[in-house]
Each structure stands twice: as structure tokens, then as C-alpha cells.
Protein backbone atom coordinates (compact mmCIF):
# COMPACT_ATOMS: atom_id res chain seq x y z
CA MET A 1 -95.33 18.69 65.97
CA ASP A 2 -92.39 21.05 66.51
CA ALA A 3 -90.13 21.40 63.42
CA ASP A 4 -87.01 21.01 65.57
CA SER A 5 -88.13 17.52 66.49
CA LEU A 6 -88.06 16.40 62.85
CA THR A 7 -84.39 17.21 62.18
CA THR A 8 -81.78 14.46 62.15
CA ALA A 9 -78.84 16.80 62.83
CA PRO A 10 -77.05 16.37 66.19
CA ARG A 11 -78.15 18.77 68.83
CA GLU A 12 -75.79 21.44 69.99
CA GLU A 13 -74.89 21.33 73.61
CA ASP A 14 -76.49 24.21 75.47
CA SER A 15 -74.65 26.57 77.75
CA GLY A 16 -75.57 24.54 80.77
CA GLY A 17 -74.13 21.33 79.30
CA THR A 18 -77.49 19.56 79.16
CA GLY A 19 -79.59 18.46 76.25
CA GLY A 20 -76.59 17.69 73.98
CA VAL A 21 -74.38 14.70 73.19
CA THR A 22 -71.33 14.42 75.45
CA LEU A 23 -68.42 12.31 74.25
CA PRO A 24 -66.88 10.03 76.87
CA ARG A 25 -63.52 11.14 78.26
CA LEU A 26 -60.59 8.82 77.72
CA SER A 27 -58.52 7.79 80.69
CA LEU A 28 -54.76 8.30 80.80
CA LEU A 29 -54.17 4.65 79.94
CA GLU A 30 -56.56 4.85 77.00
CA ASN A 31 -54.87 8.01 75.72
CA LEU A 32 -51.48 6.32 75.96
CA ARG A 33 -52.84 3.28 74.10
CA TRP A 34 -54.19 5.57 71.36
CA VAL A 35 -50.82 7.33 71.03
CA TRP A 36 -49.05 3.95 70.86
CA ARG A 37 -51.37 2.73 68.11
CA GLN A 38 -50.77 5.89 66.10
CA LEU A 39 -47.00 5.69 66.57
CA THR A 40 -46.82 2.04 65.52
CA SER A 41 -49.00 2.47 62.44
CA MET A 42 -47.41 2.09 59.03
CA ARG A 43 -48.56 5.57 58.05
CA VAL A 44 -46.64 7.21 60.91
CA ALA A 45 -43.59 5.00 60.24
CA LEU A 46 -43.49 6.24 56.63
CA ILE A 47 -43.89 9.85 57.80
CA LEU A 48 -41.00 9.44 60.25
CA LEU A 49 -38.83 7.84 57.56
CA PHE A 50 -39.53 10.80 55.29
CA LEU A 51 -38.74 13.25 58.11
CA LEU A 52 -35.47 11.44 58.83
CA SER A 53 -34.45 11.75 55.17
CA LEU A 54 -35.45 15.41 55.21
CA ALA A 55 -33.51 16.05 58.44
CA ALA A 56 -30.36 14.52 56.95
CA ILE A 57 -30.24 17.05 54.10
CA PRO A 58 -28.53 19.84 56.13
CA GLY A 59 -25.82 17.35 57.08
CA SER A 60 -24.85 17.00 53.42
CA LEU A 61 -25.17 20.68 52.53
CA LEU A 62 -23.47 22.30 55.54
CA PRO A 63 -19.97 21.55 56.91
CA GLN A 64 -20.08 19.33 59.99
CA ARG A 65 -17.95 19.18 63.11
CA SER A 66 -16.46 15.71 62.88
CA ALA A 67 -13.12 13.96 62.63
CA ASN A 68 -13.66 13.39 58.90
CA THR A 69 -13.84 17.07 57.99
CA ASP A 70 -11.63 20.10 58.41
CA PRO A 71 -12.77 21.86 61.63
CA THR A 72 -11.98 25.25 60.13
CA LEU A 73 -14.72 24.80 57.51
CA VAL A 74 -17.44 25.33 60.12
CA THR A 75 -15.68 28.34 61.61
CA ASP A 76 -15.18 29.92 58.20
CA TRP A 77 -18.83 29.32 57.25
CA ILE A 78 -20.09 30.95 60.44
CA THR A 79 -17.71 33.87 59.99
CA LYS A 80 -18.84 34.37 56.41
CA HIS A 81 -22.55 34.23 57.30
CA LYS A 82 -22.61 36.47 60.36
CA THR A 83 -26.39 36.45 60.79
CA LEU A 84 -27.44 32.99 59.69
CA GLY A 85 -24.31 31.17 60.91
CA PRO A 86 -24.73 31.69 64.70
CA LEU A 87 -28.44 30.87 64.43
CA LEU A 88 -27.79 27.57 62.64
CA ASP A 89 -25.01 26.79 65.11
CA HIS A 90 -27.43 27.33 67.99
CA LEU A 91 -29.93 24.99 66.30
CA GLN A 92 -27.22 22.29 65.94
CA PHE A 93 -27.12 22.36 62.15
CA PHE A 94 -23.34 21.85 62.19
CA THR A 95 -23.71 18.66 64.25
CA VAL A 96 -26.83 17.35 62.51
CA TYR A 97 -26.37 13.66 63.26
CA LYS A 98 -25.82 14.33 66.96
CA SER A 99 -28.51 17.00 67.32
CA ALA A 100 -31.47 16.61 69.64
CA TRP A 101 -34.05 16.95 66.86
CA PHE A 102 -32.38 14.40 64.57
CA SER A 103 -32.00 11.96 67.50
CA ALA A 104 -35.68 12.41 68.40
CA ILE A 105 -36.85 11.50 64.87
CA TYR A 106 -34.37 8.62 64.81
CA LEU A 107 -35.61 7.24 68.14
CA LEU A 108 -39.30 7.60 67.23
CA LEU A 109 -38.72 5.76 63.95
CA PHE A 110 -36.87 3.03 65.81
CA ILE A 111 -39.75 2.59 68.28
CA SER A 112 -42.34 2.76 65.50
CA LEU A 113 -40.69 0.01 63.48
CA ILE A 114 -40.33 -2.26 66.50
CA GLY A 115 -43.96 -1.61 67.43
CA CYS A 116 -45.01 -2.57 63.88
CA ILE A 117 -42.84 -5.65 63.61
CA LEU A 118 -43.46 -7.43 66.91
CA PRO A 119 -47.28 -7.84 66.54
CA ARG A 120 -46.90 -8.84 62.90
CA THR A 121 -44.25 -11.39 63.81
CA ALA A 122 -46.48 -12.94 66.48
CA GLN A 123 -49.37 -13.04 64.02
CA HIS A 124 -47.21 -14.63 61.32
CA LEU A 125 -46.03 -17.33 63.72
CA LYS A 126 -49.66 -18.21 64.41
CA VAL A 127 -50.38 -18.39 60.67
CA LEU A 128 -47.42 -20.74 60.16
CA ARG A 129 -48.96 -23.20 62.62
CA LYS A 130 -52.42 -23.10 61.09
CA PRO A 131 -53.35 -25.54 58.29
CA PRO A 132 -54.74 -24.23 54.99
CA PRO A 133 -58.47 -23.45 55.05
CA ALA A 134 -61.06 -25.88 53.75
CA ALA A 135 -62.01 -25.60 50.10
CA PRO A 136 -65.08 -23.40 49.45
CA ARG A 137 -68.15 -25.17 48.13
CA ASN A 138 -68.48 -22.91 45.08
CA LEU A 139 -65.11 -22.77 43.35
CA ALA A 140 -66.54 -21.09 40.26
CA ARG A 141 -66.28 -17.73 42.01
CA MET A 142 -62.50 -17.93 42.16
CA PRO A 143 -60.47 -15.75 39.75
CA ALA A 144 -58.86 -18.86 38.22
CA HIS A 145 -61.19 -21.85 37.79
CA PHE A 146 -61.24 -24.99 35.62
CA ARG A 147 -63.52 -28.06 35.65
CA TRP A 148 -64.13 -31.21 33.65
CA ASN A 149 -65.90 -34.55 33.88
CA ASP A 150 -63.61 -37.51 34.35
CA THR A 151 -65.14 -40.63 32.76
CA THR A 152 -62.12 -42.88 33.10
CA GLY A 153 -63.63 -44.69 36.05
CA THR A 154 -61.09 -43.40 38.57
CA SER A 155 -62.48 -43.37 42.08
CA ILE A 156 -62.90 -40.17 44.07
CA GLU A 157 -60.30 -41.29 46.62
CA ASP A 158 -57.74 -42.00 43.92
CA LYS A 159 -58.44 -38.61 42.36
CA LEU A 160 -58.02 -36.82 45.69
CA SER A 161 -54.81 -38.72 46.37
CA ALA A 162 -53.49 -37.69 42.97
CA ALA A 163 -54.43 -34.07 43.67
CA GLU A 164 -52.71 -34.20 47.06
CA ALA A 165 -49.54 -35.61 45.50
CA GLU A 166 -49.59 -33.00 42.72
CA LEU A 167 -49.89 -30.10 45.18
CA LYS A 168 -47.15 -31.45 47.42
CA LYS A 169 -44.90 -31.79 44.41
CA LYS A 170 -45.41 -28.07 43.83
CA ARG A 171 -44.46 -27.35 47.49
CA PHE A 172 -47.97 -26.63 48.73
CA ARG A 173 -48.97 -27.29 52.31
CA VAL A 174 -51.96 -29.61 51.92
CA VAL A 175 -55.05 -30.63 53.89
CA ARG A 176 -57.75 -33.03 52.75
CA GLY A 177 -61.40 -33.48 53.58
CA THR A 178 -64.65 -35.19 52.57
CA ASP A 179 -68.18 -33.97 51.90
CA ALA A 180 -71.48 -35.46 52.96
CA ASP A 181 -72.47 -36.19 49.33
CA GLY A 182 -69.58 -38.61 48.92
CA GLY A 183 -67.23 -36.11 47.31
CA GLY A 184 -64.06 -34.69 48.72
CA TRP A 185 -61.61 -31.80 48.50
CA VAL A 186 -57.94 -30.98 48.78
CA SER A 187 -56.76 -27.53 49.85
CA GLY A 188 -53.19 -26.35 49.31
CA GLU A 189 -51.42 -23.16 50.26
CA LYS A 190 -47.88 -21.87 49.75
CA GLY A 191 -45.99 -18.58 49.83
CA TYR A 192 -45.76 -18.23 53.61
CA LEU A 193 -42.24 -16.86 53.19
CA ARG A 194 -43.60 -13.74 51.51
CA GLU A 195 -44.62 -12.31 54.86
CA ALA A 196 -41.40 -13.66 56.36
CA GLY A 197 -39.46 -11.73 53.73
CA ASN A 198 -41.41 -8.60 54.59
CA LEU A 199 -40.60 -9.06 58.28
CA ILE A 200 -36.93 -9.76 57.52
CA PHE A 201 -36.77 -6.53 55.52
CA HIS A 202 -38.19 -4.45 58.36
CA LEU A 203 -36.09 -6.24 60.99
CA SER A 204 -33.00 -5.56 58.90
CA LEU A 205 -33.97 -1.91 58.64
CA VAL A 206 -34.17 -1.81 62.43
CA GLY A 207 -30.77 -3.54 62.51
CA ILE A 208 -29.22 -0.82 60.35
CA LEU A 209 -30.74 1.91 62.52
CA ALA A 210 -29.44 0.11 65.60
CA GLY A 211 -26.02 -0.23 63.95
CA PHE A 212 -25.79 3.50 63.40
CA ALA A 213 -26.74 4.08 67.03
CA VAL A 214 -24.12 1.59 68.23
CA LYS A 215 -21.47 3.21 66.04
CA GLY A 216 -22.34 6.68 67.27
CA TYR A 217 -22.18 5.68 70.94
CA PHE A 218 -19.45 3.02 71.11
CA GLY A 219 -17.37 3.97 68.04
CA TYR A 220 -14.70 6.57 67.55
CA GLN A 221 -12.71 8.17 64.74
CA GLY A 222 -9.37 9.93 64.70
CA LYS A 223 -6.67 11.35 62.48
CA VAL A 224 -2.92 11.23 62.94
CA VAL A 225 -0.08 12.53 60.77
CA ILE A 226 3.15 10.48 60.88
CA THR A 227 6.44 11.38 59.20
CA GLU A 228 8.72 8.64 57.88
CA GLY A 229 10.67 7.13 60.75
CA ASP A 230 8.24 8.36 63.40
CA GLY A 231 5.65 6.35 65.24
CA PHE A 232 2.26 6.66 66.88
CA THR A 233 0.92 5.18 70.10
CA ASN A 234 -2.86 4.87 70.30
CA ILE A 235 -3.59 7.28 73.13
CA THR A 236 -5.89 10.29 73.01
CA MET A 237 -3.20 12.96 73.30
CA ASN A 238 -1.45 11.69 70.15
CA TYR A 239 -4.43 12.29 67.86
CA ASP A 240 -4.39 15.36 65.65
CA ASP A 241 -8.19 15.22 65.60
CA HIS A 242 -10.71 12.79 67.03
CA THR A 243 -14.40 12.18 67.67
CA PHE A 244 -15.35 9.82 70.51
CA GLY A 245 -18.80 8.38 71.15
CA GLY A 246 -20.44 8.79 74.54
CA GLY A 247 -19.71 5.18 75.48
CA VAL A 248 -15.98 5.33 74.69
CA ASP A 249 -13.50 5.63 77.56
CA PRO A 250 -10.52 7.64 76.19
CA ASP A 251 -8.26 6.01 78.78
CA LYS A 252 -9.03 2.48 77.56
CA LEU A 253 -8.16 2.61 73.87
CA PRO A 254 -6.38 -0.42 72.37
CA PRO A 255 -2.67 0.13 73.21
CA PHE A 256 -1.20 -0.58 69.78
CA GLU A 257 1.80 1.20 68.25
CA LEU A 258 2.35 2.07 64.59
CA THR A 259 5.54 3.29 62.88
CA LEU A 260 5.78 4.60 59.31
CA ASP A 261 8.91 3.13 57.73
CA LYS A 262 8.52 4.45 54.19
CA PHE A 263 5.95 6.17 52.04
CA THR A 264 5.97 5.81 48.25
CA ALA A 265 3.87 7.73 45.74
CA THR A 266 3.86 7.40 41.95
CA TYR A 267 2.56 9.96 39.45
CA GLU A 268 1.79 10.14 35.73
CA PRO A 269 5.17 10.99 34.08
CA ASN A 270 3.99 11.52 30.50
CA HIS A 271 4.09 15.24 29.66
CA ASP A 272 1.63 14.77 26.81
CA ALA A 273 -0.97 13.05 28.98
CA PRO A 274 -3.90 15.22 30.08
CA ASP A 275 -3.45 13.96 33.64
CA TYR A 276 0.29 14.65 33.80
CA GLY A 277 1.49 14.74 37.40
CA GLN A 278 -1.67 13.12 38.79
CA ALA A 279 -1.24 10.48 41.48
CA ARG A 280 -1.20 6.85 40.40
CA SER A 281 -0.60 4.95 43.63
CA PHE A 282 0.14 5.47 47.33
CA THR A 283 1.92 2.89 49.48
CA ALA A 284 2.85 3.10 53.16
CA ASP A 285 5.18 0.48 54.62
CA VAL A 286 4.66 0.24 58.38
CA HIS A 287 5.44 -1.97 61.32
CA TYR A 288 3.18 -2.29 64.35
CA ASN A 289 2.46 -4.27 67.47
CA SER A 290 -0.90 -4.66 69.15
CA SER A 291 0.58 -4.17 72.65
CA PRO A 292 4.00 -3.34 74.13
CA SER A 293 4.62 -7.02 74.87
CA SER A 294 3.35 -8.43 71.55
CA PRO A 295 5.68 -9.30 68.65
CA GLU A 296 6.28 -6.72 65.94
CA LYS A 297 4.57 -7.17 62.57
CA LYS A 298 4.98 -5.52 59.19
CA ALA A 299 2.26 -4.42 56.80
CA THR A 300 1.77 -2.40 53.62
CA LEU A 301 -1.14 0.01 53.45
CA LYS A 302 -2.62 1.21 50.19
CA GLU A 303 -5.62 3.29 49.27
CA ASN A 304 -8.80 1.35 50.15
CA SER A 305 -6.68 -1.36 51.76
CA PRO A 306 -6.71 -0.69 55.51
CA LEU A 307 -4.87 -2.34 58.37
CA THR A 308 -6.96 -3.72 61.24
CA VAL A 309 -5.44 -3.80 64.73
CA ASP A 310 -7.49 -4.75 67.81
CA GLY A 311 -10.75 -3.84 66.08
CA VAL A 312 -9.43 -0.48 64.84
CA SER A 313 -9.24 0.04 61.07
CA VAL A 314 -6.28 2.18 59.97
CA TYR A 315 -6.75 3.82 56.55
CA LEU A 316 -4.15 5.63 54.47
CA SER A 317 -5.91 8.87 53.53
CA SER A 318 -3.38 11.57 52.59
CA HIS A 319 0.28 12.43 52.29
CA GLY A 320 2.73 15.30 51.91
CA TYR A 321 6.30 16.43 52.60
CA SER A 322 8.15 17.30 55.81
CA PRO A 323 11.14 19.60 55.24
CA ILE A 324 13.89 19.02 57.81
CA ILE A 325 15.27 22.15 59.46
CA THR A 326 17.91 22.97 62.05
CA VAL A 327 17.83 26.22 64.06
CA ARG A 328 20.86 27.60 65.90
CA ASP A 329 21.22 30.55 68.25
CA LYS A 330 23.83 33.32 67.97
CA THR A 331 26.47 31.11 69.65
CA GLY A 332 25.94 28.29 67.20
CA LYS A 333 24.14 26.13 69.76
CA VAL A 334 21.46 23.95 68.23
CA ILE A 335 17.96 24.94 69.32
CA VAL A 336 16.10 22.68 66.89
CA ASP A 337 18.03 19.70 65.57
CA HIS A 338 16.97 18.09 62.27
CA GLN A 339 13.28 18.56 62.96
CA PRO A 340 10.83 17.38 60.23
CA VAL A 341 7.96 19.85 59.84
CA GLU A 342 4.75 18.71 58.12
CA PHE A 343 3.82 20.95 55.21
CA PHE A 344 0.29 20.56 53.89
CA ASP A 345 -0.89 20.85 50.30
CA SER A 346 -1.66 24.36 49.14
CA GLY A 347 -1.22 24.09 45.38
CA ALA A 348 -0.62 21.90 42.34
CA MET A 349 2.30 19.52 41.78
CA GLY A 350 2.86 18.84 45.47
CA LEU A 351 3.32 22.42 46.67
CA GLY A 352 2.84 22.63 50.43
CA SER A 353 2.80 25.25 53.15
CA GLY A 354 3.62 24.95 56.81
CA ILE A 355 4.88 26.67 59.95
CA TYR A 356 7.21 25.94 62.82
CA LYS A 357 7.43 27.75 66.17
CA VAL A 358 10.57 27.96 68.24
CA LYS A 359 9.16 28.78 71.66
CA ASN A 360 12.35 28.56 73.71
CA GLY A 361 16.04 29.19 73.12
CA TYR A 362 15.95 32.10 70.68
CA ILE A 363 17.49 35.39 71.90
CA ASP A 364 17.06 38.62 69.92
CA LYS A 365 19.75 41.25 69.39
CA TYR A 366 18.85 42.93 72.67
CA GLY A 367 19.41 39.73 74.64
CA SER A 368 15.70 39.22 75.27
CA PRO A 369 14.12 35.76 74.90
CA GLN A 370 11.63 35.72 72.05
CA GLN A 371 9.52 33.25 70.18
CA LEU A 372 10.66 32.58 66.62
CA GLY A 373 8.07 31.63 64.03
CA LEU A 374 8.95 30.16 60.66
CA SER A 375 6.52 30.13 57.75
CA GLY A 376 7.31 28.60 54.40
CA ILE A 377 6.27 27.06 51.11
CA PHE A 378 7.80 23.75 50.06
CA ILE A 379 8.52 23.15 46.36
CA PRO A 380 9.15 19.47 45.48
CA ASP A 381 10.67 20.11 42.03
CA TYR A 382 12.11 23.64 41.97
CA PRO A 383 12.66 24.99 38.44
CA GLY A 384 15.71 27.03 39.56
CA GLU A 385 14.03 30.40 39.89
CA MET A 386 10.72 31.96 40.79
CA VAL A 387 8.35 32.44 37.86
CA PRO A 388 7.36 36.14 37.59
CA GLY A 389 3.70 36.65 38.35
CA MET A 390 3.19 33.04 39.45
CA GLY A 391 5.23 32.77 42.64
CA ALA A 392 6.25 29.29 43.75
CA VAL A 393 5.94 26.69 40.99
CA SER A 394 6.79 22.98 41.03
CA LEU A 395 7.55 21.06 37.85
CA PHE A 396 6.54 17.65 39.25
CA PRO A 397 5.13 16.27 42.53
CA THR A 398 8.16 14.15 43.44
CA ALA A 399 10.91 15.74 45.53
CA SER A 400 13.60 15.55 42.84
CA ASN A 401 14.87 19.13 43.41
CA PRO A 402 13.31 20.35 46.67
CA ALA A 403 13.34 23.97 47.76
CA LEU A 404 11.98 25.89 50.74
CA VAL A 405 10.65 29.45 50.51
CA LEU A 406 11.09 30.68 54.08
CA SER A 407 9.83 33.66 56.10
CA ALA A 408 10.50 34.37 59.78
CA TYR A 409 8.69 36.23 62.57
CA SER A 410 10.01 37.24 65.98
CA GLY A 411 7.97 38.25 69.01
CA ASP A 412 4.85 37.10 70.84
CA LEU A 413 3.14 34.36 68.87
CA GLY A 414 0.45 33.96 71.51
CA PRO A 415 0.18 31.90 74.69
CA ASN A 416 -1.07 28.84 72.79
CA PRO A 417 -0.29 29.33 69.10
CA GLY A 418 -1.64 25.93 68.09
CA VAL A 419 -0.09 23.20 66.00
CA TYR A 420 -0.70 24.26 62.41
CA THR A 421 -1.54 27.97 62.88
CA MET A 422 0.45 30.96 64.03
CA ASN A 423 -0.73 34.37 65.27
CA VAL A 424 1.68 37.05 64.02
CA ASN A 425 -0.33 40.12 65.03
CA ASN A 426 2.08 40.85 67.92
CA ALA A 427 5.23 39.71 66.10
CA GLN A 428 7.69 41.44 63.81
CA ARG A 429 8.65 40.24 60.35
CA VAL A 430 12.32 39.26 60.30
CA LYS A 431 14.18 40.68 57.29
CA LEU A 432 16.18 37.73 56.07
CA PRO A 433 19.35 38.50 54.09
CA ASN A 434 19.59 37.70 50.39
CA ALA A 435 15.82 38.04 49.97
CA GLN A 436 15.00 38.26 46.28
CA ASP A 437 12.07 40.65 46.75
CA PRO A 438 12.50 43.61 49.16
CA THR A 439 8.73 43.88 49.61
CA ASN A 440 8.54 40.19 50.52
CA PRO A 441 11.56 39.36 52.70
CA SER A 442 11.55 35.62 52.09
CA VAL A 443 14.52 33.50 51.17
CA ILE A 444 14.74 30.39 48.99
CA LEU A 445 16.73 27.50 50.44
CA THR A 446 17.77 24.43 48.47
CA LEU A 447 19.78 21.36 49.39
CA GLU A 448 22.74 22.63 47.38
CA LYS A 449 25.72 23.30 49.61
CA GLY A 450 25.99 26.97 50.47
CA LYS A 451 22.36 27.60 49.55
CA ASN A 452 20.74 25.63 52.34
CA THR A 453 21.45 28.06 55.18
CA VAL A 454 20.20 31.54 55.98
CA GLN A 455 21.61 33.75 58.73
CA LEU A 456 19.19 35.61 60.95
CA PRO A 457 19.85 39.37 61.08
CA ASP A 458 22.16 40.92 63.69
CA GLY A 459 23.90 37.59 64.20
CA THR A 460 21.04 36.16 66.30
CA GLY A 461 21.22 32.70 64.75
CA SER A 462 20.74 30.66 61.60
CA ILE A 463 18.27 28.34 59.88
CA GLU A 464 19.37 25.32 57.84
CA PHE A 465 17.37 23.29 55.32
CA ASP A 466 18.78 19.77 55.81
CA GLY A 467 16.55 17.54 53.72
CA VAL A 468 13.02 16.27 53.27
CA LYS A 469 10.91 13.33 54.35
CA GLN A 470 7.38 12.30 53.48
CA TRP A 471 4.47 12.13 55.86
CA ALA A 472 1.24 10.16 55.68
CA GLN A 473 -2.09 10.80 57.29
CA PHE A 474 -3.87 7.80 58.77
CA ASP A 475 -7.56 7.75 59.61
CA LEU A 476 -8.41 5.45 62.52
CA ASN A 477 -11.92 4.12 62.77
CA HIS A 478 -13.37 1.83 65.44
CA ASP A 479 -16.84 0.70 64.38
CA PRO A 480 -18.33 -2.10 66.53
CA SER A 481 -21.47 -2.14 64.38
CA LYS A 482 -19.88 -3.29 61.12
CA MET A 483 -21.04 -6.89 61.35
CA LEU A 484 -24.55 -5.86 62.44
CA VAL A 485 -24.87 -3.42 59.54
CA PHE A 486 -23.42 -5.95 57.09
CA VAL A 487 -25.85 -8.70 58.14
CA SER A 488 -28.73 -6.20 58.12
CA ALA A 489 -27.84 -5.05 54.60
CA ILE A 490 -27.91 -8.65 53.40
CA GLY A 491 -31.20 -9.11 55.24
CA ILE A 492 -32.72 -6.13 53.43
CA ILE A 493 -31.80 -7.64 50.05
CA VAL A 494 -33.06 -11.11 51.04
CA GLY A 495 -36.24 -9.63 52.49
CA LEU A 496 -36.95 -7.59 49.37
CA LEU A 497 -36.37 -10.60 47.13
CA GLY A 498 -38.70 -12.67 49.29
CA SER A 499 -41.48 -10.10 49.61
CA LEU A 500 -41.40 -9.16 45.92
CA GLY A 501 -40.64 -12.56 44.36
CA ILE A 502 -42.77 -14.94 46.44
CA ARG A 503 -46.52 -15.14 45.83
CA ARG A 504 -49.03 -16.25 48.45
CA ARG A 505 -51.37 -18.68 46.65
CA ARG A 506 -54.14 -21.08 47.51
CA VAL A 507 -55.23 -23.88 45.17
CA PHE A 508 -58.33 -25.96 45.79
CA VAL A 509 -59.37 -29.24 44.17
CA ARG A 510 -62.91 -30.63 44.52
CA VAL A 511 -64.04 -34.04 43.25
CA ARG A 512 -67.75 -34.84 43.20
CA PRO A 513 -69.68 -37.84 41.88
CA VAL A 514 -71.79 -37.28 38.75
CA VAL A 515 -74.67 -39.71 38.13
CA LEU A 516 -75.46 -40.03 34.39
CA ASP A 517 -78.75 -41.34 33.05
CA GLU A 518 -78.82 -44.48 30.93
CA VAL A 519 -78.83 -42.64 27.58
CA GLN A 520 -75.79 -40.50 28.49
CA SER A 521 -73.99 -43.52 29.83
CA GLN A 522 -74.55 -45.51 26.65
CA GLU A 523 -73.48 -42.56 24.49
CA GLN A 524 -70.21 -42.29 26.35
CA GLY A 525 -69.73 -46.00 26.46
CA ARG A 526 -68.89 -45.84 30.11
CA GLY A 527 -70.28 -47.03 33.34
CA GLN A 528 -72.02 -44.96 35.94
CA ASN A 529 -68.76 -44.08 37.79
CA THR A 530 -68.18 -40.51 36.45
CA VAL A 531 -66.74 -37.70 38.60
CA ARG A 532 -66.52 -33.95 38.19
CA VAL A 533 -63.17 -32.39 38.98
CA GLU A 534 -62.80 -28.68 39.77
CA VAL A 535 -59.52 -26.85 40.25
CA ALA A 536 -59.47 -23.21 41.38
CA GLY A 537 -56.93 -20.75 42.74
CA LEU A 538 -56.82 -17.61 44.82
CA ALA A 539 -53.94 -15.18 45.46
CA ARG A 540 -53.48 -12.76 48.35
CA ALA A 541 -52.40 -10.04 45.91
CA GLU A 542 -52.42 -9.48 42.17
CA ASP A 543 -50.71 -12.48 40.61
CA ALA A 544 -50.33 -12.78 36.84
CA ARG A 545 -49.11 -16.38 37.08
CA LEU A 546 -51.99 -17.71 39.18
CA ARG A 547 -53.86 -19.14 36.15
CA ASP A 548 -50.70 -20.95 35.01
CA GLU A 549 -50.31 -22.45 38.49
CA VAL A 550 -53.91 -23.67 38.56
CA ARG A 551 -53.74 -24.93 34.98
CA GLY A 552 -50.58 -26.86 35.83
CA VAL A 553 -52.31 -28.60 38.75
CA GLY A 554 -55.28 -29.45 36.54
CA ARG A 555 -53.03 -30.75 33.77
CA GLY A 556 -51.54 -33.24 36.20
CA LEU A 557 -54.99 -34.53 37.22
CA ARG A 558 -57.05 -34.81 34.07
CA PRO A 559 -56.72 -37.62 31.53
CA PRO A 560 -55.01 -36.84 28.19
CA LYS A 561 -58.18 -36.18 26.14
CA ALA A 562 -60.55 -34.93 28.80
CA GLY A 563 -62.63 -31.94 27.89
CA VAL A 564 -61.96 -28.96 30.05
CA GLN A 565 -64.52 -26.30 30.86
CA LYS A 566 -63.65 -22.99 32.37
């Protein structure tokens, strides 16, 4: 016999494709079914959940382009990292939660969870309609088992009825049957809600994922800065910054109006306190109407206490000061009349910096129209003089003694200088008179009469510091998924409590007749009507309280002094 014929190893396929084992080719439908089964497996769902968590890490480490963050942070990061920055920008690392790769993982996880849940839900519904199984014939194999002989003369039917009542009292679903030898059994099962809790948990997880998708597509966020006395109409062009989902029509925003009447801030006044000057409370008094024809309403906004108008939540998020300035030309004609200019925080104790651009109306000494740019630092509580080596210093955040450190530029500030930035590369620094530092031609204006006005050189005009108002920043958020996410979050908690706290248990009771001989019957002083009672339990998972459950059922069935055998 040839030695090759004795081997049990599979034969290698020869070059001609004959003599070997050829695996059958799967059709396109079979390949798709295999892919679907892999995608909807619990193992793949866990892998996708891990990948989603991993993919979210760059979103917390890198600045993101969104309405909730400063847009200049991304630009500055890319500028600072000239090699890595453009590459990460190309790979959408600065818009992680809207990137193609994050959306792909998100969508696959969504499909995987639905594919896992639907078959399990259908299977669980079938289980709910099925009665408990019949009691096994050999209960001694169960992990929890007790038996005893009942010599009280109670009939088998009465014993089974008592067992049925005892299990129902403990909220078991019960079925009852008889055996050919004259005995009978009762089977009880409970804990069906354990699987229901598991399904609720996973359905709620899908609900949260769906809520995030709904928010990203149908929701929008925006920021708006309003000075006291000014108002805001909810149209796109009035936002200082905004992020709209793909399903939002910018022309169909809720047409409400909001006016800031007064802003109030309180600070820690105790000089000896370690948090001296720190904010204590912010309050914005506003009035609004949900549409031009609706009645006006008043409201008070505080931190973490938003106003809701037509499904849009309005949050009070920040505040600052708006110095009021007036600009006149060389003839004394007002170019800018009592204009509040928002200054944003740039230091401690309420210090703020800001700019203002006069695009039209200013004429230089040669009679040529020029743009006039004003740049300044606002000091809420001016100590009376500049501190050497420290520059502008404020004694307290409230505007008890406001001052304005002002610089001016004349020339081309660019075709579109922007709102809060100014390009001075093609402009000339204006040497303001009475500047305290010749190398830094800035002037300090206060509200004191005679010290609140500065004349521009060569008689080209003047700038007046007329007063100060406060501004507040409001964050607007329209999130149509809030109720879905809220209900899903509750569902996750309920589902976890159900799946972890409920135990799936089965308890069986068997009652069989026991025929005693005459000697045993006389010794016990009883008749021939003796029965053997067995109680056993089985759990779907590890259950430390199963023996107590079974013992409790047995305790309700056996007589007070019956001997119990394990």
C-alpha cells in the first residue's frame, strides 16, 4: 500500500485543480448575509462602540470649529503647527463630530445595535407567550434541591394546589401537570423582565445615538452679543457666530425678538478674601416677544437658568463693558454719535480690549477721505494713573471709575476689516496729543469733564468718551432631540436596574406517592397515605439567592416538624 494513502492530512490541490478539496463559492446574497451576521453580532457592536470612543478623543484634545468655541483657536493651532496642522485639517480632525470617518463609525454602530435588538425582541416576545417548561423527572440534579416525606395524610392534589398557590404568591408564572404513576408536578418561572431590561437598555442606547443624530441635523447653535438697551431679532444675519445643521432652513428660524434692559453683576468685595473681585452672580433683565404680533413679556436670565422661546433655549453665557464714544470731523459734525462699542475681556478685574472702525466721514489733513480705526483698553475702576511696569490696572471689576486707554490709526484698514479685528498694516498710527508715553501715543480718557475728549492732530476731528454700558452674550440653542435623549437616559437607568437586579429563576415542585410497608406504617403511626415532596430550582445565570428562594417555597409546603433531606 502506498504511504500517501495512509495519511489523514487534507490533500493539496494540484496545479490543474483536480485531486484536491474545493470549497463551495458563496453567492452574492450569501456573502451579504454573512456580512450582516458579522455586523449585527455583539462582538462587532462592542468593537464599534470602542472605536467610537476612540474616535471622539481628538474632539476633546484639539480645538473644534463650532459655535461653542472661539474660531480663532483652530486658526492659531494650525498656524503654530505648520506641518501637522494642515494635515489634520485635511483629515477633518478640527470637525471631528461632523467628519466622514466619525459618521461612518456612528452609522455602523447604529445599524449594528438595531440588527442585534430586533431579532432578540422578536424572540423575547415569543418567550413571553410560552408557558414554563414541565418539571424534569429527576430534580436531584438541580443546583438547589430539597425533599421530604409528608406523612400528614394530605392528598397529592391538595399538595400540588398548595404549591401552585405558594409560587403564585411569589409572582411565578405557573403550570401544573400529572404523572402516570399518580403523582404530579408544578412548574413556576419568573424574571422575564430581566431580558426586557436588557432590551430597554440597548433600545435606549439607540435612542441616545438617534438623538445626537437628530440634534446634529435639525438643531442649531448661535451666539449674539447685546448691549444694554439694544435688541436682537432671530435672523441669521444678526448672529455673531452660528452653526446650523443640514436640515435647518436659515430663512425659517423662529421670528422672536429679545431686548436686554439691564445687566447686573456682583463680585466679592472683601479685600481679605482669597477670591476678592471674583464674580458672585450674573443677572440679565430682558423683554421679548415670540413674534412681531405677540404680546411683550419680561424675564430674568441667570447663569444656568435659560429662557425658552419657540423651542429655542437662550442662555446667559458671558458679559463685559461697552464704552460709549462720539467721533466728530474737523467741522464739528458728528460722524459717530454715542456709539457703544463692545470691549472683550483681556485681563483681570474686568479689563477689556476692543476696536471701532469709522469707515466713512473722516477726512485727513489733506482733505482725503480715510478710514479711522480706534483701538483701546477699558479700565472699569481706574486707580488715577498708570502703574509703572504693569500698564493698565483695574482696582475692581465694577465700573465705579471707568477709563479708556485709546489709540488711533488712519489709512486703509482693508476692504473687509471684520467686526472684532482690524488690519493696520497699511495704516498710520495717529499721534494723539497729551499722550503720556511718547513711544506709545495713547491717551487716557475718563468721564471727568475736560478729560473725556481728545483732539485728533491737525484739527481733523475729535473723539469723546461719553459713558459706559454693559453687554451680555447669549447662547441660543435649538435642540429637537432633548426629550428623546432624556427619555433614553431614563431608559438606560431602568434597563440597567432591570437587567442587573432581576433574576431569571425556575422552581419545580414534584409530589409522588410513597407506599410504606406494614412495619414502617406502624412505626410512624400513620396510614398508608404518605407522599414525597421535592422542591428544586434552576437559574439562568449565577444566582446566590436561588437556594433561599427554593427553601422559602419548601417552607410554605412542608408541615412544621417534617424532616427535610437535601
